[in-house]
C-alpha atoms as a PDB file:
ATOM      1  CA  MET A   1       0.548   3.823 -47.564  1.00  0.00           C
ATOM      2  CA  SER A   2       3.030   5.830 -45.510  1.00  0.00           C
ATOM      3  CA  TYR A   3       1.088   7.776 -43.588  1.00  0.00           C
ATOM      4  CA  LEU A   4      -0.183   5.030 -41.436  1.00  0.00           C
ATOM      5  CA  ILE A   5       3.448   3.335 -40.587  1.00  0.00           C
ATOM      6  CA  LEU A   6       4.095   6.124 -37.549  1.00  0.00           C
ATOM      7  CA  PRO A   7       0.563   5.064 -35.838  1.00  0.00           C
ATOM      8  CA  ALA A   8       0.872   1.665 -35.877  1.00  0.00           C
ATOM      9  CA  LEU A   9       4.447   2.143 -34.646  1.00  0.00           C
ATOM     10  CA  LEU A  10       3.159   4.419 -31.677  1.00  0.00           C
ATOM     11  CA  LEU A  11       0.559   1.491 -31.169  1.00  0.00           C
ATOM     12  CA  VAL A  12       3.791  -0.900 -30.401  1.00  0.00           C
ATOM     13  CA  PHE A  13       4.883   1.096 -27.800  1.00  0.00           C
ATOM     14  CA  LEU A  14       1.737   1.576 -25.864  1.00  0.00           C
ATOM     15  CA  PRO A  15       1.107  -0.077 -22.614  1.00  0.00           C
ATOM     16  CA  ALA A  16      -0.893  -2.832 -21.492  1.00  0.00           C
ATOM     17  CA  PRO A  17      -4.318  -1.530 -19.720  1.00  0.00           C
ATOM     18  CA  GLY A  18      -3.707  -2.716 -15.896  1.00  0.00           C
ATOM     19  CA  ALA A  19      -6.557  -4.410 -13.782  1.00  0.00           C
ATOM     20  CA  HIS A  20      -9.090  -1.819 -11.951  1.00  0.00           C
ATOM     21  CA  ALA A  21      -9.403  -1.254  -8.045  1.00  0.00           C
ATOM     22  CA  ASP A  22     -12.317  -3.375  -7.623  1.00  0.00           C
ATOM     23  CA  ARG A  23     -10.745  -6.367  -9.143  1.00  0.00           C
ATOM     24  CA  LEU A  24      -7.411  -6.354  -7.196  1.00  0.00           C
ATOM     25  CA  GLU A  25      -9.228  -6.399  -3.565  1.00  0.00           C
ATOM     26  CA  ASP A  26      -9.567  -9.812  -4.390  1.00  0.00           C
ATOM     27  CA  PHE A  27      -7.218 -12.230  -3.001  1.00  0.00           C
ATOM     28  CA  SER A  28      -8.006 -14.872  -5.238  1.00  0.00           C
ATOM     29  CA  ARG A  29      -6.095 -13.695  -7.528  1.00  0.00           C
ATOM     30  CA  PHE A  30      -3.013 -15.124  -5.994  1.00  0.00           C
ATOM     31  CA  SER A  31      -4.263 -18.809  -7.024  1.00  0.00           C
ATOM     32  CA  ARG A  32      -3.604 -17.829 -10.426  1.00  0.00           C
ATOM     33  CA  ALA A  33      -0.230 -16.826  -9.513  1.00  0.00           C
ATOM     34  CA  ILE A  34       1.248 -19.981  -8.212  1.00  0.00           C
ATOM     35  CA  GLY A  35       4.355 -20.662  -9.786  1.00  0.00           C
ATOM     36  CA  GLU A  36       5.070 -16.717 -11.137  1.00  0.00           C
ATOM     37  CA  GLU A  37       7.369 -14.557  -9.328  1.00  0.00           C
ATOM     38  CA  VAL A  38       6.026 -11.669  -7.380  1.00  0.00           C
ATOM     39  CA  SER A  39       7.035  -9.024  -5.599  1.00  0.00           C
ATOM     40  CA  LEU A  40       5.011  -8.351  -1.731  1.00  0.00           C
ATOM     41  CA  VAL A  41       4.420  -5.477   0.483  1.00  0.00           C
ATOM     42  CA  ASP A  42       3.463  -6.766   3.913  1.00  0.00           C
ATOM     43  CA  ARG A  43       1.341  -3.758   6.511  1.00  0.00           C
ATOM     44  CA  SER A  44       4.689  -3.083   8.011  1.00  0.00           C
ATOM     45  CA  GLY A  45       6.269  -1.926   4.569  1.00  0.00           C
ATOM     46  CA  LEU A  46       8.814  -5.201   4.395  1.00  0.00           C
ATOM     47  CA  ILE A  47       9.161  -5.955   0.545  1.00  0.00           C
ATOM     48  CA  ARG A  48       9.633  -9.896  -0.121  1.00  0.00           C
ATOM     49  CA  GLU A  49      10.101 -11.347  -3.691  1.00  0.00           C
ATOM     50  CA  GLY A  50       9.606 -14.606  -4.665  1.00  0.00           C
ATOM     51  CA  MET A  51       7.741 -17.390  -6.123  1.00  0.00           C
ATOM     52  CA  VAL A  52       4.458 -18.435  -5.111  1.00  0.00           C
ATOM     53  CA  GLU A  53       3.962 -21.548  -3.932  1.00  0.00           C
ATOM     54  CA  ALA A  54       0.668 -21.978  -2.412  1.00  0.00           C
ATOM     55  CA  ALA A  55      -2.636 -19.537  -1.970  1.00  0.00           C
ATOM     56  CA  THR A  56      -5.508 -20.141   0.587  1.00  0.00           C
ATOM     57  CA  VAL A  57      -8.369 -17.923   1.782  1.00  0.00           C
ATOM     58  CA  ASP A  58      -6.536 -17.281   4.805  1.00  0.00           C
ATOM     59  CA  GLY A  59      -3.307 -16.267   3.506  1.00  0.00           C
ATOM     60  CA  ILE A  60      -0.121 -17.448   0.790  1.00  0.00           C
ATOM     61  CA  THR A  61       2.761 -19.080   0.930  1.00  0.00           C
ATOM     62  CA  LEU A  62       6.136 -17.655  -0.762  1.00  0.00           C
ATOM     63  CA  ARG A  63       9.250 -19.206  -2.097  1.00  0.00           C
ATOM     64  CA  VAL A  64      12.336 -16.734  -0.874  1.00  0.00           C
ATOM     65  CA  GLY A  65      15.423 -17.604  -2.058  1.00  0.00           C
ATOM     66  CA  SER A  66      15.832 -21.750  -0.350  1.00  0.00           C
ATOM     67  CA  ALA A  67      13.132 -20.714   2.364  1.00  0.00           C
ATOM     68  CA  THR A  68       9.251 -20.610   2.364  1.00  0.00           C
ATOM     69  CA  GLN A  69       7.149 -18.163   4.268  1.00  0.00           C
ATOM     70  CA  SER A  70       3.981 -18.083   5.048  1.00  0.00           C
ATOM     71  CA  LEU A  71       1.716 -15.074   5.590  1.00  0.00           C
ATOM     72  CA  PRO A  72      -1.581 -14.315   6.137  1.00  0.00           C
ATOM     73  CA  ARG A  73      -3.665 -11.981   4.472  1.00  0.00           C
ATOM     74  CA  ALA A  74      -4.262  -9.544   7.098  1.00  0.00           C
ATOM     75  CA  GLU A  75      -0.620  -8.849   6.462  1.00  0.00           C
ATOM     76  CA  VAL A  76      -0.078  -8.305   2.376  1.00  0.00           C
ATOM     77  CA  ALA A  77      -1.229  -4.840   1.734  1.00  0.00           C
ATOM     78  CA  ARG A  78      -0.404  -4.813  -2.203  1.00  0.00           C
ATOM     79  CA  ALA A  79       1.715  -7.490  -4.497  1.00  0.00           C
ATOM     80  CA  ASP A  80       2.771  -7.093  -8.221  1.00  0.00           C
ATOM     81  CA  ARG A  81       3.341 -10.036 -10.382  1.00  0.00           C
ATOM     82  CA  MET A  82       6.831  -9.468 -12.200  1.00  0.00           C
ATOM     83  CA  THR A  83       6.905  -9.799 -15.768  1.00  0.00           C
ATOM     84  CA  ASP A  84       9.292 -10.766 -18.652  1.00  0.00           C
ATOM     85  CA  GLY A  85      12.079  -7.798 -19.124  1.00  0.00           C
ATOM     86  CA  ARG A  86      13.700  -8.707 -22.423  1.00  0.00           C
ATOM     87  CA  ILE A  87      12.156 -10.663 -25.042  1.00  0.00           C
ATOM     88  CA  ASP A  88       8.906  -8.595 -26.170  1.00  0.00           C
ATOM     89  CA  GLY A  89      11.185  -5.257 -26.227  1.00  0.00           C
ATOM     90  CA  ALA A  90      13.453  -7.287 -28.384  1.00  0.00           C
ATOM     91  CA  ILE A  91      10.917  -8.297 -30.452  1.00  0.00           C
ATOM     92  CA  LYS A  92       9.399  -4.834 -30.724  1.00  0.00           C
ATOM     93  CA  GLY A  93      12.603  -3.378 -31.654  1.00  0.00           C
ATOM     94  CA  ALA A  94      13.447  -5.724 -34.266  1.00  0.00           C
ATOM     95  CA  LEU A  95       9.880  -4.947 -36.157  1.00  0.00           C
ATOM     96  CA  VAL A  96      10.753  -0.966 -36.171  1.00  0.00           C
ATOM     97  CA  GLY A  97      13.994  -1.956 -37.236  1.00  0.00           C
ATOM     98  CA  LEU A  98      12.569  -3.754 -39.835  1.00  0.00           C
ATOM     99  CA  VAL A  99      10.117  -1.177 -40.875  1.00  0.00           C
ATOM    100  CA  MET A 100      12.137   1.737 -40.497  1.00  0.00           C
ATOM    101  CA  THR A 101      15.337  -0.270 -42.715  1.00  0.00           C
ATOM    102  CA  ALA A 102      12.597  -1.145 -45.475  1.00  0.00           C
ATOM    103  CA  LEU A 103      11.726   2.536 -45.464  1.00  0.00           C
ATOM    104  CA  ALA A 104      15.109   3.696 -44.971  1.00  0.00           C
ATOM    105  CA  SER A 105      16.593   1.320 -47.925  1.00  0.00           C
ATOM    106  CA  GLN A 106      14.304   2.482 -50.523  1.00  0.00           C
ATOM    107  CA  GLY A 107      16.469   2.771 -53.336  1.00  0.00           C
ATOM    108  CA  TYR A 108      19.310   0.550 -52.185  1.00  0.00           C
ATOM    109  CA  ASP A 109      20.232  -2.601 -53.509  1.00  0.00           C
ATOM    110  CA  SER A 110      23.112  -5.668 -52.653  1.00  0.00           C
ATOM    111  CA  THR A 111      25.606  -3.713 -54.565  1.00  0.00           C
ATOM    112  CA  THR A 112      25.288  -0.458 -52.521  1.00  0.00           C
ATOM    113  CA  PRO A 113      28.970  -0.277 -50.720  1.00  0.00           C
ATOM    114  CA  GLY A 114      28.123  -0.022 -46.771  1.00  0.00           C
ATOM    115  CA  TYR A 115      24.614  -1.482 -47.065  1.00  0.00           C
ATOM    116  CA  LEU A 116      23.652  -3.825 -44.197  1.00  0.00           C
ATOM    117  CA  PRO A 117      19.798  -4.083 -43.203  1.00  0.00           C
ATOM    118  CA  TRP A 118      20.589  -6.663 -40.677  1.00  0.00           C
ATOM    119  CA  ALA A 119      22.669  -4.684 -38.720  1.00  0.00           C
ATOM    120  CA  SER A 120      20.287  -2.120 -38.307  1.00  0.00           C
ATOM    121  CA  ILE A 121      17.403  -4.500 -37.373  1.00  0.00           C
ATOM    122  CA  ALA A 122      19.579  -5.832 -34.653  1.00  0.00           C
ATOM    123  CA  ALA A 123      20.825  -2.384 -33.713  1.00  0.00           C
ATOM    124  CA  TYR A 124      16.820  -1.510 -33.358  1.00  0.00           C
ATOM    125  CA  ALA A 125      16.359  -4.770 -31.316  1.00  0.00           C
ATOM    126  CA  GLY A 126      19.185  -3.907 -29.277  1.00  0.00           C
ATOM    127  CA  LEU A 127      18.023  -1.156 -28.288  1.00  0.00           C
ATOM    128  CA  GLY A 128      14.346  -2.625 -27.591  1.00  0.00           C
ATOM    129  CA  CYS A 129      15.878  -4.717 -25.116  1.00  0.00           C
ATOM    130  CA  LEU A 130      17.419  -2.136 -23.336  1.00  0.00           C
ATOM    131  CA  ILE A 131      14.218   0.216 -23.400  1.00  0.00           C
ATOM    132  CA  ASP A 132      12.134  -2.825 -21.887  1.00  0.00           C
ATOM    133  CA  ALA A 133      15.025  -3.848 -19.446  1.00  0.00           C
ATOM    134  CA  ALA A 134      14.548  -0.549 -17.860  1.00  0.00           C
ATOM    135  CA  GLU A 135      11.153  -0.549 -17.137  1.00  0.00           C
ATOM    136  CA  ALA A 136       9.739  -1.579 -13.601  1.00  0.00           C
ATOM    137  CA  ASN A 137       7.695  -4.768 -15.378  1.00  0.00           C
ATOM    138  CA  ARG A 138       5.255  -5.232 -12.708  1.00  0.00           C
ATOM    139  CA  GLN A 139       1.935  -5.877 -12.897  1.00  0.00           C
ATOM    140  CA  PRO A 140      -0.735  -5.271 -10.415  1.00  0.00           C
ATOM    141  CA  LEU A 141      -1.736  -9.104  -8.635  1.00  0.00           C
ATOM    142  CA  PHE A 142      -3.409  -7.266  -5.319  1.00  0.00           C
ATOM    143  CA  ARG A 143      -3.900  -4.248  -3.162  1.00  0.00           C
ATOM    144  CA  ALA A 144      -5.647  -4.414  -0.128  1.00  0.00           C
ATOM    145  CA  PRO A 145      -8.850  -2.410   0.322  1.00  0.00           C
ATOM    146  CA  SER A 146      -7.853   0.966   1.985  1.00  0.00           C
ATOM    147  CA  ALA A 147      -9.097   1.064   5.499  1.00  0.00           C
ATOM    148  CA  PRO A 148     -12.041   4.279   5.904  1.00  0.00           C
ATOM    149  CA  ALA A 149     -10.790   7.493   6.525  1.00  0.00           C
ATOM    150  CA  PRO A 150     -11.652   8.543  10.231  1.00  0.00           C
ATOM    151  CA  THR A 151     -14.069  11.029  10.198  1.00  0.00           C
ATOM    152  CA  LEU A 152     -13.568  14.184  12.137  1.00  0.00           C
ATOM    153  CA  LYS A 153     -16.575  15.931  14.332  1.00  0.00           C
ATOM    154  CA  LEU A 154     -16.301  19.534  14.880  1.00  0.00           C
ATOM    155  CA  SER A 155     -18.679  20.752  17.418  1.00  0.00           C
ATOM    156  CA  LEU A 156     -18.225  24.479  18.969  1.00  0.00           C
ATOM    157  CA  ARG A 157     -20.092  25.163  22.427  1.00  0.00           C
ATOM    158  CA  PHE A 158     -20.362  28.577  23.861  1.00  0.00           C
END
């Protein structure tokens, strides 16, 4: 039974699968992100982070701070949805701490001096929170289709 614990712990920390490239070229994905925070990069390389207020076939409207900006579809190069950064990391860390404390405390009881199982679980939860906060926490939302590469024709004349 104990040989199953390590693979189970490793599964907790695997990243979620990302979206496929053909789905990322669909501009209508912005309509499902209304009211969520996104990071958007336009064709010139300017990065805007804000909340999606409206999305149409022709463009999107972002609230950046107190201002509202409308961007046409042709200007959007890519966008990422900003996901939560700390809550799920603390939960994962607490679960790992619970398992590690349960494994390490076999043979201890409540009368053992220095036995603080909740302190260990809290430490793992804090560590999980810090690790999750250090990640980028971005989920790809949209990628503009790349332009076809220019063809090169080489001809030799003698």
